Amino acid sequence: MTDKLPPNLLKLFAPRPPLPYAPPLDKEPGKRVGARVSGIADLTPMLKNYDPDYVPWKSIEEKRKERQETKKKIADEALEKATAEC
């Protein structure tokens, strides 16, 4: 299909020359050392000595229940205030 295009458009589809090789700036690829990946076995002693002051986060249900209670408390106070004024 491209062979039917005019020469000025064929120039747009011409491949570019290959990039010249540039050696790596830091180390040779064969001498590079990647990240040291290990399992979780190294971290298990930390589980025995965890922070005793740690307070776990509240679950979504606990947060929802807390919000409902505060809204109910505010509504009750507003109701008592309104009945006291009347």
Protein backbone atom coordinates (compact mmCIF):
# COMPACT_ATOMS: atom_id res chain seq x y z
CA MET A 1 0.00 0.00 0.00
CA THR A 2 2.82 2.43 0.86
CA ASP A 3 4.48 1.82 -2.50
CA LYS A 4 1.67 3.83 -4.10
CA LEU A 5 2.43 6.96 -2.07
CA PRO A 6 4.30 9.91 -3.61
CA PRO A 7 8.02 10.25 -2.79
CA ASN A 8 7.56 13.17 -0.40
CA LEU A 9 5.28 11.02 1.82
CA LEU A 10 7.48 7.92 1.43
CA LYS A 11 10.30 9.88 3.08
CA LEU A 12 8.17 10.15 6.21
CA PHE A 13 7.98 6.35 6.51
CA ALA A 14 11.69 5.73 5.90
CA PRO A 15 13.48 4.00 8.81
CA ARG A 16 15.90 6.06 10.82
CA PRO A 17 19.56 5.07 11.04
CA PRO A 18 20.41 2.80 13.98
CA LEU A 19 21.55 4.45 17.18
CA PRO A 20 25.29 4.34 17.82
CA TYR A 21 26.48 2.15 20.67
CA ALA A 22 27.34 4.08 23.81
CA PRO A 23 28.94 2.18 26.70
CA PRO A 24 27.19 2.47 30.07
CA LEU A 25 28.35 5.36 32.22
CA ASP A 26 28.48 3.59 35.58
CA LYS A 27 29.61 -0.06 35.33
CA GLU A 28 29.84 -2.75 32.73
CA PRO A 29 26.61 -4.76 32.39
CA GLY A 30 28.34 -7.97 33.46
CA LYS A 31 29.69 -6.42 36.67
CA ARG A 32 26.46 -4.79 37.81
CA VAL A 33 24.85 -6.05 40.98
CA GLY A 34 21.07 -5.89 41.22
CA ALA A 35 18.92 -5.51 44.27
CA ARG A 36 19.37 -8.08 47.00
CA VAL A 37 16.00 -9.78 47.35
CA SER A 38 15.39 -12.08 50.28
CA GLY A 39 12.36 -13.70 51.83
CA ILE A 40 10.52 -12.70 54.95
CA ALA A 41 12.48 -15.14 57.11
CA ASP A 42 14.91 -12.36 57.99
CA LEU A 43 12.05 -10.27 59.37
CA THR A 44 10.41 -12.87 61.63
CA PRO A 45 12.53 -11.98 64.70
CA MET A 46 11.05 -8.48 64.49
CA LEU A 47 7.58 -9.97 64.99
CA LYS A 48 8.59 -11.26 68.41
CA ASN A 49 9.74 -7.80 69.52
CA TYR A 50 6.92 -5.65 68.15
CA ASP A 51 6.08 -2.25 69.63
CA PRO A 52 3.94 -2.74 72.77
CA ASP A 53 2.53 0.81 72.43
CA TYR A 54 1.09 0.05 68.99
CA VAL A 55 -2.59 0.91 68.67
CA PRO A 56 -4.26 -0.73 65.68
CA TRP A 57 -6.37 1.37 63.34
CA LYS A 58 -10.09 1.33 63.63
CA SER A 59 -11.99 -0.74 61.14
CA ILE A 60 -14.45 0.86 58.74
CA GLU A 61 -17.38 -0.50 60.72
CA GLU A 62 -16.02 0.96 63.97
CA LYS A 63 -15.52 4.37 62.32
CA ARG A 64 -19.04 4.27 60.86
CA LYS A 65 -20.53 3.33 64.22
CA GLU A 66 -18.59 6.13 65.93
CA ARG A 67 -19.84 8.70 63.39
CA GLN A 68 -23.43 7.54 63.88
CA GLU A 69 -23.09 7.84 67.65
CA THR A 70 -21.66 11.37 67.45
CA LYS A 71 -24.42 12.46 65.05
CA LYS A 72 -27.03 10.96 67.37
CA LYS A 73 -25.45 12.69 70.37
CA ILE A 74 -25.45 16.06 68.57
CA ALA A 75 -29.06 15.59 67.48
CA ASP A 76 -30.13 14.68 71.05
CA GLU A 77 -28.37 17.76 72.46
CA ALA A 78 -30.03 19.98 69.85
CA LEU A 79 -33.43 18.45 70.68
CA GLU A 80 -32.94 18.99 74.42
CA LYS A 81 -31.84 22.56 73.80
CA ALA A 82 -34.86 23.24 71.58
CA THR A 83 -37.29 21.74 74.12
CA ALA A 84 -35.71 23.73 76.93
CA GLU A 85 -36.20 26.98 75.01
CA CYS A 86 -39.87 26.31 74.36
